[in-house]
Amino acid sequence: MDLGAVAGTVVRGAFDAHVTKFTPHTSSSDTKKVYGAQIFMRSPNDMMRGFYTHITGVPKELGVDSIVRIGDPLGTVVAREPMHLHLALVEIIAGGPGGTYVGVDP
């Protein structure tokens, strides 16, 4: 889902998780649809996964295997029209790791 927000709005972790994939924001690599940092996360019980994008200013200590707690700052919304945060939350049905993903497999 796309959540409207002004540039500089702080993005926070929606659930406790660890980072499974991270692509930092490099302005020169931005395209019309793909821009900002991309952060993929998985909950400790493997029942929830999440994907955030259109973020900049990610803390330097955040990367693959970093632990994120609910409410931790992940960065800020990129100043690019239309300004928004893209957030995908995926529940894993029947439990992980052998469960079935609903939505994309981050």
PDB file of N, CA and C in Angstrom:
ATOM      1  N   MET A   1       0.838  -1.171   0.000  1.00  0.00           N
ATOM      2  CA  MET A   1       0.000   0.000   0.000  1.00  0.00           C
ATOM      3  C   MET A   1       0.887   1.239   0.000  1.00  0.00           C
ATOM      4  N   ASP A   2       0.389   2.299  -0.563  1.00  0.00           N
ATOM      5  CA  ASP A   2       1.090   3.575  -0.564  1.00  0.00           C
ATOM      6  C   ASP A   2       0.439   4.478   0.481  1.00  0.00           C
ATOM      7  N   LEU A   3       1.249   4.984   1.392  1.00  0.00           N
ATOM      8  CA  LEU A   3       0.775   5.852   2.461  1.00  0.00           C
ATOM      9  C   LEU A   3       1.287   7.263   2.198  1.00  0.00           C
ATOM     10  N   GLY A   4       0.397   8.199   1.940  1.00  0.00           N
ATOM     11  CA  GLY A   4       0.785   9.573   1.672  1.00  0.00           C
ATOM     12  C   GLY A   4       1.507  10.183   2.869  1.00  0.00           C
ATOM     13  N   ALA A   5       2.581  10.885   2.606  1.00  0.00           N
ATOM     14  CA  ALA A   5       3.361  11.529   3.667  1.00  0.00           C
ATOM     15  C   ALA A   5       4.219  12.620   3.049  1.00  0.00           C
ATOM     16  N   VAL A   6       4.513  13.644   3.824  1.00  0.00           N
ATOM     17  CA  VAL A   6       5.384  14.706   3.324  1.00  0.00           C
ATOM     18  C   VAL A   6       6.839  14.266   3.441  1.00  0.00           C
ATOM     19  N   ALA A   7       7.679  14.844   2.597  1.00  0.00           N
ATOM     20  CA  ALA A   7       9.112  14.546   2.639  1.00  0.00           C
ATOM     21  C   ALA A   7       9.652  14.803   4.037  1.00  0.00           C
ATOM     22  N   GLY A   8      10.489  13.901   4.499  1.00  0.00           N
ATOM     23  CA  GLY A   8      11.101  14.062   5.811  1.00  0.00           C
ATOM     24  C   GLY A   8      10.323  13.404   6.938  1.00  0.00           C
ATOM     25  N   THR A   9       9.121  12.893   6.647  1.00  0.00           N
ATOM     26  CA  THR A   9       8.352  12.183   7.669  1.00  0.00           C
ATOM     27  C   THR A   9       9.139  10.961   8.125  1.00  0.00           C
ATOM     28  N   VAL A  10       9.277  10.788   9.421  1.00  0.00           N
ATOM     29  CA  VAL A  10      10.018   9.641   9.956  1.00  0.00           C
ATOM     30  C   VAL A  10       9.219   8.358   9.730  1.00  0.00           C
ATOM     31  N   VAL A  11       9.889   7.343   9.204  1.00  0.00           N
ATOM     32  CA  VAL A  11       9.309   6.018   8.995  1.00  0.00           C
ATOM     33  C   VAL A  11       9.785   5.136  10.138  1.00  0.00           C
ATOM     34  N   ARG A  12       8.857   4.429  10.769  1.00  0.00           N
ATOM     35  CA  ARG A  12       9.190   3.591  11.924  1.00  0.00           C
ATOM     36  C   ARG A  12       8.802   2.147  11.673  1.00  0.00           C
ATOM     37  N   GLY A  13       9.503   1.236  12.339  1.00  0.00           N
ATOM     38  CA  GLY A  13       9.203  -0.188  12.220  1.00  0.00           C
ATOM     39  C   GLY A  13       7.783  -0.483  12.680  1.00  0.00           C
ATOM     40  N   ALA A  14       7.053  -1.255  11.894  1.00  0.00           N
ATOM     41  CA  ALA A  14       5.670  -1.590  12.208  1.00  0.00           C
ATOM     42  C   ALA A  14       5.559  -2.797  13.133  1.00  0.00           C
ATOM     43  N   PHE A  15       6.642  -3.581  13.240  1.00  0.00           N
ATOM     44  CA  PHE A  15       6.644  -4.770  14.082  1.00  0.00           C
ATOM     45  C   PHE A  15       8.078  -5.139  14.400  1.00  0.00           C
ATOM     46  N   ASP A  16       8.284  -5.946  15.444  1.00  0.00           N
ATOM     47  CA  ASP A  16       9.620  -6.449  15.766  1.00  0.00           C
ATOM     48  C   ASP A  16      10.070  -7.389  14.651  1.00  0.00           C
ATOM     49  N   ALA A  17      11.319  -7.230  14.212  1.00  0.00           N
ATOM     50  CA  ALA A  17      11.790  -8.027  13.077  1.00  0.00           C
ATOM     51  C   ALA A  17      13.306  -7.955  12.962  1.00  0.00           C
ATOM     52  N   HIS A  18      13.820  -8.704  11.995  1.00  0.00           N
ATOM     53  CA  HIS A  18      15.215  -8.523  11.594  1.00  0.00           C
ATOM     54  C   HIS A  18      15.225  -8.296  10.082  1.00  0.00           C
ATOM     55  N   VAL A  19      16.209  -7.534   9.637  1.00  0.00           N
ATOM     56  CA  VAL A  19      16.322  -7.162   8.228  1.00  0.00           C
ATOM     57  C   VAL A  19      16.880  -8.347   7.442  1.00  0.00           C
ATOM     58  N   THR A  20      16.164  -8.741   6.375  1.00  0.00           N
ATOM     59  CA  THR A  20      16.596  -9.860   5.540  1.00  0.00           C
ATOM     60  C   THR A  20      17.227  -9.401   4.230  1.00  0.00           C
ATOM     61  N   LYS A  21      16.875  -8.180   3.795  1.00  0.00           N
ATOM     62  CA  LYS A  21      17.455  -7.621   2.565  1.00  0.00           C
ATOM     63  C   LYS A  21      17.411  -6.110   2.698  1.00  0.00           C
ATOM     64  N   PHE A  22      18.472  -5.452   2.259  1.00  0.00           N
ATOM     65  CA  PHE A  22      18.537  -3.999   2.345  1.00  0.00           C
ATOM     66  C   PHE A  22      19.243  -3.446   1.120  1.00  0.00           C
ATOM     67  N   THR A  23      18.600  -2.485   0.466  1.00  0.00           N
ATOM     68  CA  THR A  23      19.205  -1.764  -0.640  1.00  0.00           C
ATOM     69  C   THR A  23      19.199  -0.289  -0.253  1.00  0.00           C
ATOM     70  N   PRO A  24      20.378   0.318  -0.069  1.00  0.00           N
ATOM     71  CA  PRO A  24      20.422   1.725   0.348  1.00  0.00           C
ATOM     72  C   PRO A  24      19.930   2.657  -0.753  1.00  0.00           C
ATOM     73  N   HIS A  25      19.590   3.884  -0.361  1.00  0.00           N
ATOM     74  CA  HIS A  25      19.151   4.886  -1.333  1.00  0.00           C
ATOM     75  C   HIS A  25      20.359   5.503  -2.016  1.00  0.00           C
ATOM     76  N   THR A  26      20.404   5.372  -3.317  1.00  0.00           N
ATOM     77  CA  THR A  26      21.419   6.010  -4.149  1.00  0.00           C
ATOM     78  C   THR A  26      20.675   6.815  -5.201  1.00  0.00           C
ATOM     79  N   SER A  27      20.670   8.122  -5.056  1.00  0.00           N
ATOM     80  CA  SER A  27      19.887   9.001  -5.942  1.00  0.00           C
ATOM     81  C   SER A  27      20.154   8.730  -7.417  1.00  0.00           C
ATOM     82  N   SER A  28      21.394   8.437  -7.777  1.00  0.00           N
ATOM     83  CA  SER A  28      21.740   8.219  -9.186  1.00  0.00           C
ATOM     84  C   SER A  28      21.106   6.943  -9.747  1.00  0.00           C
ATOM     85  N   SER A  29      20.643   6.045  -8.890  1.00  0.00           N
ATOM     86  CA  SER A  29      20.008   4.802  -9.340  1.00  0.00           C
ATOM     87  C   SER A  29      18.488   4.894  -9.361  1.00  0.00           C
ATOM     88  N   ASP A  30      17.930   6.011  -8.894  1.00  0.00           N
ATOM     89  CA  ASP A  30      16.478   6.168  -8.853  1.00  0.00           C
ATOM     90  C   ASP A  30      15.888   6.129 -10.253  1.00  0.00           C
ATOM     91  N   THR A  31      14.736   5.470 -10.381  1.00  0.00           N
ATOM     92  CA  THR A  31      13.966   5.475 -11.624  1.00  0.00           C
ATOM     93  C   THR A  31      12.595   6.060 -11.308  1.00  0.00           C
ATOM     94  N   LYS A  32      11.734   6.119 -12.303  1.00  0.00           N
ATOM     95  CA  LYS A  32      10.395   6.679 -12.096  1.00  0.00           C
ATOM     96  C   LYS A  32       9.627   5.895 -11.028  1.00  0.00           C
ATOM     97  N   LYS A  33       9.788   4.582 -10.986  1.00  0.00           N
ATOM     98  CA  LYS A  33       9.026   3.759 -10.056  1.00  0.00           C
ATOM     99  C   LYS A  33       9.852   3.213  -8.893  1.00  0.00           C
ATOM    100  N   VAL A  34      11.135   3.026  -9.088  1.00  0.00           N
ATOM    101  CA  VAL A  34      11.997   2.449  -8.040  1.00  0.00           C
ATOM    102  C   VAL A  34      12.947   3.529  -7.548  1.00  0.00           C
ATOM    103  N   TYR A  35      12.724   3.971  -6.319  1.00  0.00           N
ATOM    104  CA  TYR A  35      13.583   5.003  -5.752  1.00  0.00           C
ATOM    105  C   TYR A  35      13.549   4.907  -4.238  1.00  0.00           C
ATOM    106  N   GLY A  36      14.613   5.370  -3.640  1.00  0.00           N
ATOM    107  CA  GLY A  36      14.729   5.298  -2.184  1.00  0.00           C
ATOM    108  C   GLY A  36      15.252   3.945  -1.740  1.00  0.00           C
ATOM    109  N   ALA A  37      15.564   3.872  -0.456  1.00  0.00           N
ATOM    110  CA  ALA A  37      16.037   2.613   0.122  1.00  0.00           C
ATOM    111  C   ALA A  37      14.912   1.591   0.116  1.00  0.00           C
ATOM    112  N   GLN A  38      15.304   0.313   0.079  1.00  0.00           N
ATOM    113  CA  GLN A  38      14.359  -0.798   0.192  1.00  0.00           C
ATOM    114  C   GLN A  38      14.781  -1.644   1.380  1.00  0.00           C
ATOM    115  N   ILE A  39      13.843  -1.886   2.280  1.00  0.00           N
ATOM    116  CA  ILE A  39      14.123  -2.663   3.487  1.00  0.00           C
ATOM    117  C   ILE A  39      13.111  -3.798   3.577  1.00  0.00           C
ATOM    118  N   PHE A  40      13.608  -5.030   3.602  1.00  0.00           N
ATOM    119  CA  PHE A  40      12.778  -6.217   3.777  1.00  0.00           C
ATOM    120  C   PHE A  40      13.023  -6.744   5.186  1.00  0.00           C
ATOM    121  N   MET A  41      11.941  -7.113   5.886  1.00  0.00           N
ATOM    122  CA  MET A  41      12.085  -7.571   7.270  1.00  0.00           C
ATOM    123  C   MET A  41      11.231  -8.821   7.508  1.00  0.00           C
ATOM    124  N   ARG A  42      11.619  -9.597   8.536  1.00  0.00           N
ATOM    125  CA  ARG A  42      10.875 -10.798   8.926  1.00  0.00           C
ATOM    126  C   ARG A  42      10.748 -10.824  10.446  1.00  0.00           C
ATOM    127  N   SER A  43       9.569 -11.164  10.942  1.00  0.00           N
ATOM    128  CA  SER A  43       9.347 -11.228  12.387  1.00  0.00           C
ATOM    129  C   SER A  43      10.092 -12.423  12.989  1.00  0.00           C
ATOM    130  N   PRO A  44      10.373 -12.371  14.301  1.00  0.00           N
ATOM    131  CA  PRO A  44      11.122 -13.459  14.949  1.00  0.00           C
ATOM    132  C   PRO A  44      10.444 -14.827  14.825  1.00  0.00           C
ATOM    133  N   ASN A  45       9.107 -14.868  14.807  1.00  0.00           N
ATOM    134  CA  ASN A  45       8.412 -16.155  14.694  1.00  0.00           C
ATOM    135  C   ASN A  45       8.135 -16.550  13.247  1.00  0.00           C
ATOM    136  N   ASP A  46       8.628 -15.772  12.292  1.00  0.00           N
ATOM    137  CA  ASP A  46       8.489 -16.021  10.854  1.00  0.00           C
ATOM    138  C   ASP A  46       7.039 -16.030  10.392  1.00  0.00           C
ATOM    139  N   MET A  47       6.160 -15.332  11.120  1.00  0.00           N
ATOM    140  CA  MET A  47       4.747 -15.285  10.753  1.00  0.00           C
ATOM    141  C   MET A  47       4.380 -13.996  10.014  1.00  0.00           C
ATOM    142  N   MET A  48       5.287 -13.023   9.965  1.00  0.00           N
ATOM    143  CA  MET A  48       5.014 -11.747   9.309  1.00  0.00           C
ATOM    144  C   MET A  48       6.292 -11.288   8.604  1.00  0.00           C
ATOM    145  N   ARG A  49       6.098 -10.769   7.407  1.00  0.00           N
ATOM    146  CA  ARG A  49       7.195 -10.154   6.671  1.00  0.00           C
ATOM    147  C   ARG A  49       6.742  -8.785   6.216  1.00  0.00           C
ATOM    148  N   GLY A  50       7.689  -7.912   5.980  1.00  0.00           N
ATOM    149  CA  GLY A  50       7.352  -6.569   5.540  1.00  0.00           C
ATOM    150  C   GLY A  50       8.383  -6.023   4.571  1.00  0.00           C
ATOM    151  N   PHE A  51       7.944  -5.060   3.762  1.00  0.00           N
ATOM    152  CA  PHE A  51       8.791  -4.413   2.769  1.00  0.00           C
ATOM    153  C   PHE A  51       8.472  -2.924   2.774  1.00  0.00           C
ATOM    154  N   TYR A  52       9.501  -2.099   2.948  1.00  0.00           N
ATOM    155  CA  TYR A  52       9.380  -0.649   2.940  1.00  0.00           C
ATOM    156  C   TYR A  52      10.224  -0.106   1.784  1.00  0.00           C
ATOM    157  N   THR A  53       9.723   0.920   1.095  1.00  0.00           N
ATOM    158  CA  THR A  53      10.544   1.606   0.104  1.00  0.00           C
ATOM    159  C   THR A  53      10.134   3.079  -0.001  1.00  0.00           C
ATOM    160  N   HIS A  54      10.938   3.846  -0.727  1.00  0.00           N
ATOM    161  CA  HIS A  54      10.812   5.297  -0.884  1.00  0.00           C
ATOM    162  C   HIS A  54      11.283   5.996   0.395  1.00  0.00           C
ATOM    163  N   ILE A  55      12.349   5.453   0.988  1.00  0.00           N
ATOM    164  CA  ILE A  55      12.927   5.979   2.230  1.00  0.00           C
ATOM    165  C   ILE A  55      14.344   6.474   1.948  1.00  0.00           C
ATOM    166  N   THR A  56      14.756   7.487   2.669  1.00  0.00           N
ATOM    167  CA  THR A  56      16.130   7.957   2.634  1.00  0.00           C
ATOM    168  C   THR A  56      16.580   8.192   4.078  1.00  0.00           C
ATOM    169  N   GLY A  57      17.839   8.477   4.271  1.00  0.00           N
ATOM    170  CA  GLY A  57      18.336   8.762   5.611  1.00  0.00           C
ATOM    171  C   GLY A  57      18.269   7.573   6.551  1.00  0.00           C
ATOM    172  N   VAL A  58      18.445   6.382   6.008  1.00  0.00           N
ATOM    173  CA  VAL A  58      18.430   5.168   6.838  1.00  0.00           C
ATOM    174  C   VAL A  58      19.622   5.218   7.793  1.00  0.00           C
ATOM    175  N   PRO A  59      19.405   4.896   9.073  1.00  0.00           N
ATOM    176  CA  PRO A  59      20.531   4.903  10.016  1.00  0.00           C
ATOM    177  C   PRO A  59      21.680   4.014   9.525  1.00  0.00           C
ATOM    178  N   LYS A  60      22.903   4.488   9.693  1.00  0.00           N
ATOM    179  CA  LYS A  60      24.080   3.766   9.188  1.00  0.00           C
ATOM    180  C   LYS A  60      24.212   2.364   9.748  1.00  0.00           C
ATOM    181  N   GLU A  61      23.721   2.146  10.966  1.00  0.00           N
ATOM    182  CA  GLU A  61      23.852   0.837  11.594  1.00  0.00           C
ATOM    183  C   GLU A  61      22.812  -0.170  11.096  1.00  0.00           C
ATOM    184  N   LEU A  62      21.853   0.264  10.287  1.00  0.00           N
ATOM    185  CA  LEU A  62      20.818  -0.640   9.788  1.00  0.00           C
ATOM    186  C   LEU A  62      21.312  -1.357   8.543  1.00  0.00           C
ATOM    187  N   GLY A  63      21.182  -2.666   8.519  1.00  0.00           N
ATOM    188  CA  GLY A  63      21.580  -3.476   7.371  1.00  0.00           C
ATOM    189  C   GLY A  63      21.062  -4.889   7.551  1.00  0.00           C
ATOM    190  N   VAL A  64      21.448  -5.788   6.665  1.00  0.00           N
ATOM    191  CA  VAL A  64      21.022  -7.177   6.742  1.00  0.00           C
ATOM    192  C   VAL A  64      21.389  -7.747   8.116  1.00  0.00           C
ATOM    193  N   ASP A  65      20.453  -8.447   8.722  1.00  0.00           N
ATOM    194  CA  ASP A  65      20.549  -9.072  10.046  1.00  0.00           C
ATOM    195  C   ASP A  65      20.380  -8.092  11.202  1.00  0.00           C
ATOM    196  N   SER A  66      20.184  -6.796  10.935  1.00  0.00           N
ATOM    197  CA  SER A  66      19.910  -5.842  12.010  1.00  0.00           C
ATOM    198  C   SER A  66      18.574  -6.183  12.660  1.00  0.00           C
ATOM    199  N   ILE A  67      18.494  -5.972  13.962  1.00  0.00           N
ATOM    200  CA  ILE A  67      17.250  -6.153  14.702  1.00  0.00           C
ATOM    201  C   ILE A  67      16.516  -4.817  14.737  1.00  0.00           C
ATOM    202  N   VAL A  68      15.229  -4.848  14.391  1.00  0.00           N
ATOM    203  CA  VAL A  68      14.380  -3.665  14.412  1.00  0.00           C
ATOM    204  C   VAL A  68      13.249  -3.935  15.391  1.00  0.00           C
ATOM    205  N   ARG A  69      13.010  -3.002  16.283  1.00  0.00           N
ATOM    206  CA  ARG A  69      11.895  -3.097  17.229  1.00  0.00           C
ATOM    207  C   ARG A  69      10.769  -2.196  16.743  1.00  0.00           C
ATOM    208  N   ILE A  70       9.551  -2.554  17.094  1.00  0.00           N
ATOM    209  CA  ILE A  70       8.405  -1.730  16.725  1.00  0.00           C
ATOM    210  C   ILE A  70       8.669  -0.291  17.174  1.00  0.00           C
ATOM    211  N   GLY A  71       8.493   0.645  16.257  1.00  0.00           N
ATOM    212  CA  GLY A  71       8.706   2.057  16.559  1.00  0.00           C
ATOM    213  C   GLY A  71      10.104   2.576  16.275  1.00  0.00           C
ATOM    214  N   ASP A  72      11.079   1.681  16.012  1.00  0.00           N
ATOM    215  CA  ASP A  72      12.431   2.147  15.686  1.00  0.00           C
ATOM    216  C   ASP A  72      12.419   2.955  14.386  1.00  0.00           C
ATOM    217  N   PRO A  73      13.179   4.057  14.320  1.00  0.00           N
ATOM    218  CA  PRO A  73      13.253   4.832  13.080  1.00  0.00           C
ATOM    219  C   PRO A  73      14.013   4.068  11.994  1.00  0.00           C
ATOM    220  N   LEU A  74      13.440   4.053  10.787  1.00  0.00           N
ATOM    221  CA  LEU A  74      14.054   3.372   9.647  1.00  0.00           C
ATOM    222  C   LEU A  74      14.604   4.370   8.631  1.00  0.00           C
ATOM    223  N   GLY A  75      14.255   5.630   8.771  1.00  0.00           N
ATOM    224  CA  GLY A  75      14.661   6.670   7.836  1.00  0.00           C
ATOM    225  C   GLY A  75      13.528   7.657   7.692  1.00  0.00           C
ATOM    226  N   THR A  76      13.529   8.391   6.568  1.00  0.00           N
ATOM    227  CA  THR A  76      12.487   9.376   6.297  1.00  0.00           C
ATOM    228  C   THR A  76      11.980   9.229   4.865  1.00  0.00           C
ATOM    229  N   VAL A  77      10.796   9.741   4.613  1.00  0.00           N
ATOM    230  CA  VAL A  77      10.189   9.676   3.286  1.00  0.00           C
ATOM    231  C   VAL A  77      10.997  10.552   2.316  1.00  0.00           C
ATOM    232  N   VAL A  78      11.276  10.010   1.133  1.00  0.00           N
ATOM    233  CA  VAL A  78      12.033  10.707   0.086  1.00  0.00           C
ATOM    234  C   VAL A  78      11.219  11.876  -0.467  1.00  0.00           C
ATOM    235  N   ALA A  79      11.900  12.976  -0.782  1.00  0.00           N
ATOM    236  CA  ALA A  79      11.260  14.155  -1.385  1.00  0.00           C
ATOM    237  C   ALA A  79      11.139  13.939  -2.887  1.00  0.00           C
ATOM    238  N   ARG A  80      10.085  13.264  -3.289  1.00  0.00           N
ATOM    239  CA  ARG A  80       9.854  12.988  -4.701  1.00  0.00           C
ATOM    240  C   ARG A  80       8.353  12.817  -4.908  1.00  0.00           C
ATOM    241  N   GLU A  81       7.828  13.431  -5.945  1.00  0.00           N
ATOM    242  CA  GLU A  81       6.377  13.387  -6.205  1.00  0.00           C
ATOM    243  C   GLU A  81       5.982  12.074  -6.862  1.00  0.00           C
ATOM    244  N   PRO A  82       4.845  11.512  -6.515  1.00  0.00           N
ATOM    245  CA  PRO A  82       4.035  11.883  -5.364  1.00  0.00           C
ATOM    246  C   PRO A  82       4.688  11.343  -4.090  1.00  0.00           C
ATOM    247  N   MET A  83       4.789  12.166  -3.064  1.00  0.00           N
ATOM    248  CA  MET A  83       5.471  11.769  -1.836  1.00  0.00           C
ATOM    249  C   MET A  83       4.626  10.741  -1.081  1.00  0.00           C
ATOM    250  N   HIS A  84       5.264   9.623  -0.778  1.00  0.00           N
ATOM    251  CA  HIS A  84       4.578   8.567  -0.052  1.00  0.00           C
ATOM    252  C   HIS A  84       5.578   7.516   0.416  1.00  0.00           C
ATOM    253  N   LEU A  85       5.117   6.686   1.320  1.00  0.00           N
ATOM    254  CA  LEU A  85       5.859   5.506   1.764  1.00  0.00           C
ATOM    255  C   LEU A  85       5.159   4.299   1.176  1.00  0.00           C
ATOM    256  N   HIS A  86       5.912   3.381   0.625  1.00  0.00           N
ATOM    257  CA  HIS A  86       5.331   2.115   0.177  1.00  0.00           C
ATOM    258  C   HIS A  86       5.605   1.092   1.268  1.00  0.00           C
ATOM    259  N   LEU A  87       4.561   0.466   1.770  1.00  0.00           N
ATOM    260  CA  LEU A  87       4.675  -0.535   2.826  1.00  0.00           C
ATOM    261  C   LEU A  87       3.843  -1.747   2.452  1.00  0.00           C
ATOM    262  N   ALA A  88       4.487  -2.896   2.401  1.00  0.00           N
ATOM    263  CA  ALA A  88       3.785  -4.157   2.155  1.00  0.00           C
ATOM    264  C   ALA A  88       3.983  -5.043   3.377  1.00  0.00           C
ATOM    265  N   LEU A  89       2.881  -5.521   3.929  1.00  0.00           N
ATOM    266  CA  LEU A  89       2.936  -6.466   5.045  1.00  0.00           C
ATOM    267  C   LEU A  89       2.385  -7.795   4.549  1.00  0.00           C
ATOM    268  N   VAL A  90       3.093  -8.865   4.853  1.00  0.00           N
ATOM    269  CA  VAL A  90       2.716 -10.182   4.367  1.00  0.00           C
ATOM    270  C   VAL A  90       2.591 -11.127   5.549  1.00  0.00           C
ATOM    271  N   GLU A  91       1.389 -11.666   5.741  1.00  0.00           N
ATOM    272  CA  GLU A  91       1.190 -12.674   6.784  1.00  0.00           C
ATOM    273  C   GLU A  91       1.465 -14.046   6.185  1.00  0.00           C
ATOM    274  N   ILE A  92       2.127 -14.896   6.956  1.00  0.00           N
ATOM    275  CA  ILE A  92       2.449 -16.230   6.476  1.00  0.00           C
ATOM    276  C   ILE A  92       1.428 -17.196   7.082  1.00  0.00           C
ATOM    277  N   ILE A  93       0.604 -17.775   6.239  1.00  0.00           N
ATOM    278  CA  ILE A  93      -0.475 -18.660   6.673  1.00  0.00           C
ATOM    279  C   ILE A  93       0.096 -20.045   6.987  1.00  0.00           C
ATOM    280  N   ALA A  94      -0.360 -20.640   8.074  1.00  0.00           N
ATOM    281  CA  ALA A  94       0.052 -21.974   8.533  1.00  0.00           C
ATOM    282  C   ALA A  94       1.472 -21.972   9.081  1.00  0.00           C
ATOM    283  N   GLY A  95       1.975 -20.808   9.434  1.00  0.00           N
ATOM    284  CA  GLY A  95       3.271 -20.737  10.109  1.00  0.00           C
ATOM    285  C   GLY A  95       4.456 -20.839   9.196  1.00  0.00           C
ATOM    286  N   GLY A  96       5.562 -20.331   9.693  1.00  0.00           N
ATOM    287  CA  GLY A  96       6.807 -20.407   8.943  1.00  0.00           C
ATOM    288  C   GLY A  96       7.681 -21.460   9.555  1.00  0.00           C
ATOM    289  N   PRO A  97       8.709 -21.916   8.923  1.00  0.00           N
ATOM    290  CA  PRO A  97       9.123 -21.542   7.563  1.00  0.00           C
ATOM    291  C   PRO A  97       8.401 -22.295   6.456  1.00  0.00           C
ATOM    292  N   GLY A  98       7.566 -23.299   6.779  1.00  0.00           N
ATOM    293  CA  GLY A  98       6.893 -24.064   5.719  1.00  0.00           C
ATOM    294  C   GLY A  98       5.553 -23.507   5.325  1.00  0.00           C
ATOM    295  N   GLY A  99       5.181 -22.336   5.833  1.00  0.00           N
ATOM    296  CA  GLY A  99       3.865 -21.763   5.563  1.00  0.00           C
ATOM    297  C   GLY A  99       3.733 -21.209   4.162  1.00  0.00           C
ATOM    298  N   THR A 100       2.534 -20.800   3.842  1.00  0.00           N
ATOM    299  CA  THR A 100       2.209 -20.232   2.547  1.00  0.00           C
ATOM    300  C   THR A 100       2.152 -18.720   2.650  1.00  0.00           C
ATOM    301  N   TYR A 101       2.809 -18.022   1.739  1.00  0.00           N
ATOM    302  CA  TYR A 101       2.805 -16.564   1.735  1.00  0.00           C
ATOM    303  C   TYR A 101       1.519 -16.059   1.103  1.00  0.00           C
ATOM    304  N   VAL A 102       0.971 -14.986   1.685  1.00  0.00           N
ATOM    305  CA  VAL A 102      -0.175 -14.310   1.118  1.00  0.00           C
ATOM    306  C   VAL A 102       0.366 -12.984   0.592  1.00  0.00           C
ATOM    307  N   GLY A 103       0.360 -12.805  -0.710  1.00  0.00           N
ATOM    308  CA  GLY A 103       0.971 -11.623  -1.307  1.00  0.00           C
ATOM    309  C   GLY A 103       2.349 -11.984  -1.833  1.00  0.00           C
ATOM    310  N   VAL A 104       3.237 -11.001  -1.919  1.00  0.00           N
ATOM    311  CA  VAL A 104       4.578 -11.239  -2.432  1.00  0.00           C
ATOM    312  C   VAL A 104       5.439 -11.949  -1.392  1.00  0.00           C
ATOM    313  N   ASP A 105       6.478 -12.597  -1.816  1.00  0.00           N
ATOM    314  CA  ASP A 105       7.425 -13.270  -0.930  1.00  0.00           C
ATOM    315  C   ASP A 105       8.644 -12.393  -0.765  1.00  0.00           C
ATOM    316  N   PRO A 106       8.670 -11.554   0.317  1.00  0.00           N
ATOM    317  CA  PRO A 106       9.826 -10.685   0.496  1.00  0.00           C
ATOM    318  C   PRO A 106      11.000 -11.467   1.038  1.00  0.00           C
TER     319      PRO A 106
END
